[in-house]
Amino acid sequence: MFFIRWLSLVLIVIAAMLLGVDLVSTLEKHALFIRSIEQILMLFGADAKLAVQANFPALIANVCTTLIGWPGWAMFGVLGVIFALIALPPRKPSRPPPSPPPIAR
């Protein structure tokens, strides 16, 4: 469970960084600018769309290319939140409050 919590935190931090990059780019260009995962991978020289279409069957390739077209911050953020919800710590049963002391007469 520790690994899943750690992974969810890393994914949420990556999503926040990508959202910040998109915000700065939007402010610089004075127009809405949102990078997809495909555009982010192209910055590193990897053509994800071409690789997916070449290596997967048509049905799976269509789903993957749709996911690759989504904004990077949304994809990483959604995965991070899902992992965080999966790895919630178990709830400890709460003890009832102690009973008041008896009244002496």
N, C-alpha and C. Protein backbone atom coordinates (compact mmCIF):
# COMPACT_ATOMS: atom_id res chain seq x y z
N MET A 1 0.81 -1.20 0.00
CA MET A 1 0.00 0.00 0.00
C MET A 1 0.86 1.27 0.00
N PHE A 2 2.03 1.19 0.63
CA PHE A 2 2.89 2.37 0.65
C PHE A 2 3.28 2.78 -0.76
N PHE A 3 3.59 1.79 -1.60
CA PHE A 3 4.01 2.10 -2.97
C PHE A 3 2.89 2.78 -3.75
N ILE A 4 1.66 2.32 -3.58
CA ILE A 4 0.54 2.92 -4.31
C ILE A 4 0.30 4.35 -3.82
N ARG A 5 0.42 4.59 -2.51
CA ARG A 5 0.27 5.95 -2.00
C ARG A 5 1.37 6.86 -2.54
N TRP A 6 2.60 6.34 -2.56
CA TRP A 6 3.73 7.12 -3.06
C TRP A 6 3.52 7.42 -4.54
N LEU A 7 3.10 6.43 -5.31
CA LEU A 7 2.86 6.62 -6.74
C LEU A 7 1.75 7.64 -6.98
N SER A 8 0.70 7.60 -6.18
CA SER A 8 -0.39 8.57 -6.34
C SER A 8 0.11 9.98 -6.05
N LEU A 9 0.95 10.13 -5.05
CA LEU A 9 1.50 11.44 -4.74
C LEU A 9 2.38 11.95 -5.88
N VAL A 10 3.22 11.09 -6.44
CA VAL A 10 4.08 11.47 -7.55
C VAL A 10 3.24 11.87 -8.76
N LEU A 11 2.20 11.11 -9.08
CA LEU A 11 1.34 11.43 -10.22
C LEU A 11 0.62 12.76 -10.03
N ILE A 12 0.15 13.03 -8.82
CA ILE A 12 -0.54 14.28 -8.56
C ILE A 12 0.43 15.46 -8.65
N VAL A 13 1.66 15.27 -8.19
CA VAL A 13 2.67 16.34 -8.30
C VAL A 13 3.01 16.60 -9.77
N ILE A 14 3.15 15.54 -10.57
CA ILE A 14 3.41 15.72 -12.00
C ILE A 14 2.24 16.46 -12.66
N ALA A 15 1.01 16.10 -12.28
CA ALA A 15 -0.16 16.79 -12.84
C ALA A 15 -0.16 18.27 -12.47
N ALA A 16 0.22 18.59 -11.23
CA ALA A 16 0.27 19.99 -10.82
C ALA A 16 1.35 20.75 -11.60
N MET A 17 2.49 20.09 -11.83
CA MET A 17 3.55 20.74 -12.61
C MET A 17 3.10 20.99 -14.05
N LEU A 18 2.46 20.00 -14.66
CA LEU A 18 1.98 20.18 -16.04
C LEU A 18 0.90 21.24 -16.13
N LEU A 19 0.05 21.32 -15.12
CA LEU A 19 -0.98 22.36 -15.10
C LEU A 19 -0.32 23.73 -14.98
N GLY A 20 0.73 23.84 -14.17
CA GLY A 20 1.45 25.09 -14.05
C GLY A 20 2.12 25.50 -15.35
N VAL A 21 2.69 24.54 -16.06
CA VAL A 21 3.32 24.82 -17.35
C VAL A 21 2.27 25.32 -18.35
N ASP A 22 1.11 24.67 -18.37
CA ASP A 22 0.05 25.12 -19.28
C ASP A 22 -0.45 26.51 -18.91
N LEU A 23 -0.51 26.81 -17.62
CA LEU A 23 -0.95 28.14 -17.17
C LEU A 23 0.05 29.20 -17.61
N VAL A 24 1.34 28.94 -17.42
CA VAL A 24 2.36 29.90 -17.84
C VAL A 24 2.34 30.09 -19.35
N SER A 25 2.20 29.01 -20.11
CA SER A 25 2.14 29.12 -21.56
C SER A 25 0.91 29.91 -22.01
N THR A 26 -0.19 29.72 -21.32
CA THR A 26 -1.41 30.47 -21.65
C THR A 26 -1.21 31.95 -21.38
N LEU A 27 -0.57 32.28 -20.26
CA LEU A 27 -0.34 33.69 -19.94
C LEU A 27 0.64 34.33 -20.92
N GLU A 28 1.63 33.58 -21.37
CA GLU A 28 2.61 34.12 -22.31
C GLU A 28 1.99 34.39 -23.68
N LYS A 29 1.13 33.49 -24.14
CA LYS A 29 0.60 33.59 -25.50
C LYS A 29 -0.73 34.34 -25.58
N HIS A 30 -1.29 34.70 -24.43
CA HIS A 30 -2.58 35.39 -24.36
C HIS A 30 -3.68 34.60 -25.05
N ALA A 31 -3.56 33.28 -25.04
CA ALA A 31 -4.59 32.39 -25.59
C ALA A 31 -4.48 31.06 -24.84
N LEU A 32 -5.58 30.35 -24.78
CA LEU A 32 -5.60 29.07 -24.08
C LEU A 32 -4.65 28.09 -24.75
N PHE A 33 -3.74 27.52 -23.98
CA PHE A 33 -2.75 26.60 -24.52
C PHE A 33 -2.64 25.41 -23.57
N ILE A 34 -3.11 24.25 -24.03
CA ILE A 34 -3.09 23.04 -23.22
C ILE A 34 -2.34 21.97 -23.99
N ARG A 35 -1.29 21.41 -23.38
CA ARG A 35 -0.51 20.37 -24.03
C ARG A 35 -1.12 19.00 -23.76
N SER A 36 -1.18 18.20 -24.80
CA SER A 36 -1.62 16.82 -24.63
C SER A 36 -0.40 15.96 -24.29
N ILE A 37 -0.66 14.73 -23.91
CA ILE A 37 0.44 13.82 -23.61
C ILE A 37 1.28 13.59 -24.86
N GLU A 38 0.63 13.57 -26.00
CA GLU A 38 1.35 13.40 -27.27
C GLU A 38 2.34 14.54 -27.49
N GLN A 39 1.92 15.77 -27.23
CA GLN A 39 2.81 16.92 -27.39
C GLN A 39 3.95 16.89 -26.38
N ILE A 40 3.66 16.45 -25.17
CA ILE A 40 4.70 16.37 -24.14
C ILE A 40 5.74 15.33 -24.53
N LEU A 41 5.31 14.18 -25.03
CA LEU A 41 6.26 13.16 -25.46
C LEU A 41 7.03 13.58 -26.70
N MET A 42 6.42 14.39 -27.57
CA MET A 42 7.14 14.88 -28.75
C MET A 42 8.28 15.82 -28.35
N LEU A 43 8.14 16.50 -27.21
CA LEU A 43 9.24 17.34 -26.73
C LEU A 43 10.48 16.51 -26.41
N PHE A 44 10.28 15.23 -26.07
CA PHE A 44 11.38 14.33 -25.77
C PHE A 44 11.77 13.47 -26.98
N GLY A 45 11.15 13.72 -28.12
CA GLY A 45 11.49 13.02 -29.34
C GLY A 45 10.80 11.68 -29.53
N ALA A 46 9.73 11.42 -28.81
CA ALA A 46 9.01 10.16 -28.94
C ALA A 46 7.65 10.42 -29.58
N ASP A 47 7.40 9.77 -30.71
CA ASP A 47 6.11 9.90 -31.38
C ASP A 47 5.20 8.77 -30.89
N ALA A 48 4.44 9.07 -29.84
CA ALA A 48 3.62 8.05 -29.19
C ALA A 48 2.49 7.56 -30.10
N LYS A 49 1.90 8.45 -30.86
CA LYS A 49 0.78 8.07 -31.70
C LYS A 49 1.22 7.06 -32.76
N LEU A 50 2.34 7.32 -33.39
CA LEU A 50 2.86 6.41 -34.40
C LEU A 50 3.23 5.05 -33.78
N ALA A 51 3.83 5.08 -32.60
CA ALA A 51 4.23 3.83 -31.94
C ALA A 51 3.01 3.00 -31.54
N VAL A 52 1.97 3.66 -31.05
CA VAL A 52 0.76 2.94 -30.64
C VAL A 52 0.07 2.33 -31.86
N GLN A 53 -0.05 3.08 -32.94
CA GLN A 53 -0.72 2.57 -34.13
C GLN A 53 0.06 1.43 -34.77
N ALA A 54 1.38 1.43 -34.63
CA ALA A 54 2.19 0.38 -35.25
C ALA A 54 2.22 -0.90 -34.42
N ASN A 55 2.03 -0.80 -33.10
CA ASN A 55 2.25 -1.96 -32.24
C ASN A 55 0.99 -2.56 -31.62
N PHE A 56 -0.16 -1.96 -31.79
CA PHE A 56 -1.37 -2.48 -31.18
C PHE A 56 -2.44 -2.74 -32.24
N PRO A 57 -3.40 -3.63 -31.94
CA PRO A 57 -4.54 -3.83 -32.86
C PRO A 57 -5.35 -2.53 -32.97
N ALA A 58 -6.16 -2.45 -34.00
CA ALA A 58 -6.87 -1.21 -34.31
C ALA A 58 -7.76 -0.72 -33.17
N LEU A 59 -8.49 -1.63 -32.52
CA LEU A 59 -9.40 -1.21 -31.45
C LEU A 59 -8.63 -0.62 -30.27
N ILE A 60 -7.59 -1.30 -29.85
CA ILE A 60 -6.79 -0.81 -28.72
C ILE A 60 -6.04 0.45 -29.12
N ALA A 61 -5.56 0.51 -30.35
CA ALA A 61 -4.84 1.70 -30.82
C ALA A 61 -5.74 2.93 -30.82
N ASN A 62 -7.01 2.76 -31.19
CA ASN A 62 -7.94 3.90 -31.18
C ASN A 62 -8.16 4.42 -29.76
N VAL A 63 -8.31 3.51 -28.81
CA VAL A 63 -8.50 3.92 -27.42
C VAL A 63 -7.24 4.63 -26.90
N CYS A 64 -6.09 4.06 -27.20
CA CYS A 64 -4.83 4.64 -26.72
C CYS A 64 -4.56 6.00 -27.35
N THR A 65 -4.86 6.16 -28.63
CA THR A 65 -4.65 7.47 -29.26
C THR A 65 -5.61 8.52 -28.70
N THR A 66 -6.79 8.09 -28.31
CA THR A 66 -7.71 9.02 -27.65
C THR A 66 -7.15 9.46 -26.31
N LEU A 67 -6.62 8.51 -25.53
CA LEU A 67 -6.05 8.85 -24.23
C LEU A 67 -4.80 9.71 -24.38
N ILE A 68 -4.01 9.47 -25.41
CA ILE A 68 -2.81 10.25 -25.64
C ILE A 68 -3.16 11.69 -26.03
N GLY A 69 -4.32 11.89 -26.60
CA GLY A 69 -4.75 13.22 -26.99
C GLY A 69 -5.29 14.07 -25.86
N TRP A 70 -5.52 13.49 -24.70
CA TRP A 70 -6.05 14.24 -23.55
C TRP A 70 -4.97 15.13 -22.96
N PRO A 71 -5.36 16.18 -22.24
CA PRO A 71 -4.36 17.03 -21.59
C PRO A 71 -3.52 16.21 -20.60
N GLY A 72 -2.24 16.53 -20.56
CA GLY A 72 -1.32 15.78 -19.71
C GLY A 72 -1.67 15.88 -18.24
N TRP A 73 -2.02 17.09 -17.78
CA TRP A 73 -2.32 17.26 -16.37
C TRP A 73 -3.58 16.49 -15.97
N ALA A 74 -4.54 16.39 -16.88
CA ALA A 74 -5.78 15.67 -16.55
C ALA A 74 -5.52 14.17 -16.42
N MET A 75 -4.72 13.63 -17.34
CA MET A 75 -4.44 12.20 -17.31
C MET A 75 -3.68 11.81 -16.04
N PHE A 76 -2.60 12.53 -15.75
CA PHE A 76 -1.82 12.20 -14.56
C PHE A 76 -2.61 12.48 -13.28
N GLY A 77 -3.40 13.55 -13.27
CA GLY A 77 -4.18 13.88 -12.08
C GLY A 77 -5.26 12.85 -11.78
N VAL A 78 -5.94 12.41 -12.82
CA VAL A 78 -7.00 11.40 -12.64
C VAL A 78 -6.39 10.09 -12.15
N LEU A 79 -5.28 9.67 -12.76
CA LEU A 79 -4.63 8.44 -12.30
C LEU A 79 -4.15 8.57 -10.86
N GLY A 80 -3.60 9.73 -10.50
CA GLY A 80 -3.14 9.95 -9.14
C GLY A 80 -4.27 9.89 -8.13
N VAL A 81 -5.39 10.50 -8.46
CA VAL A 81 -6.54 10.48 -7.53
C VAL A 81 -7.10 9.07 -7.41
N ILE A 82 -7.17 8.34 -8.51
CA ILE A 82 -7.67 6.96 -8.45
C ILE A 82 -6.77 6.10 -7.57
N PHE A 83 -5.46 6.22 -7.75
CA PHE A 83 -4.54 5.46 -6.90
C PHE A 83 -4.63 5.90 -5.44
N ALA A 84 -4.83 7.19 -5.20
CA ALA A 84 -4.97 7.67 -3.82
C ALA A 84 -6.23 7.10 -3.17
N LEU A 85 -7.31 6.99 -3.94
CA LEU A 85 -8.54 6.42 -3.38
C LEU A 85 -8.42 4.92 -3.15
N ILE A 86 -7.67 4.25 -4.02
CA ILE A 86 -7.46 2.81 -3.83
C ILE A 86 -6.66 2.54 -2.57
N ALA A 87 -5.69 3.39 -2.29
CA ALA A 87 -4.76 3.15 -1.19
C ALA A 87 -5.12 3.92 0.08
N LEU A 88 -6.38 4.21 0.26
CA LEU A 88 -6.78 4.89 1.50
C LEU A 88 -6.39 4.04 2.70
N PRO A 89 -5.88 4.67 3.75
CA PRO A 89 -5.56 3.87 4.94
C PRO A 89 -6.84 3.34 5.58
N PRO A 90 -6.76 2.16 6.16
CA PRO A 90 -7.98 1.62 6.79
C PRO A 90 -8.41 2.48 7.97
N ARG A 91 -9.70 2.59 8.12
CA ARG A 91 -10.22 3.39 9.23
C ARG A 91 -10.12 2.61 10.52
N LYS A 92 -9.60 3.26 11.52
CA LYS A 92 -9.55 2.63 12.83
C LYS A 92 -10.91 2.84 13.50
N PRO A 93 -11.45 1.79 14.11
CA PRO A 93 -12.75 1.98 14.76
C PRO A 93 -12.59 2.96 15.92
N SER A 94 -13.48 3.91 15.96
CA SER A 94 -13.40 4.89 17.04
C SER A 94 -14.04 4.31 18.30
N ARG A 95 -13.37 4.59 19.38
CA ARG A 95 -13.90 4.11 20.66
C ARG A 95 -15.00 5.06 21.13
N PRO A 96 -16.00 4.52 21.78
CA PRO A 96 -17.03 5.43 22.30
C PRO A 96 -16.45 6.25 23.46
N PRO A 97 -16.99 7.44 23.68
CA PRO A 97 -16.45 8.27 24.78
C PRO A 97 -16.68 7.56 26.11
N PRO A 98 -15.80 7.82 27.08
CA PRO A 98 -15.98 7.15 28.37
C PRO A 98 -17.26 7.62 29.06
N SER A 99 -17.83 6.72 29.80
CA SER A 99 -19.06 7.08 30.49
C SER A 99 -18.72 8.01 31.66
N PRO A 100 -19.64 8.89 31.99
CA PRO A 100 -19.37 9.84 33.08
C PRO A 100 -19.32 9.07 34.41
N PRO A 101 -18.60 9.63 35.39
CA PRO A 101 -18.54 8.95 36.69
C PRO A 101 -19.91 8.96 37.36
N PRO A 102 -20.15 7.96 38.18
CA PRO A 102 -21.46 7.93 38.85
C PRO A 102 -21.61 9.10 39.81
N ILE A 103 -22.86 9.51 39.96
CA ILE A 103 -23.16 10.64 40.87
C ILE A 103 -23.36 10.06 42.26
N ALA A 104 -22.58 10.58 43.23
CA ALA A 104 -22.68 10.10 44.61
C ALA A 104 -23.79 10.88 45.33
N ARG A 105 -24.62 10.14 46.11
CA ARG A 105 -25.71 10.80 46.85
C ARG A 105 -25.54 10.65 48.31
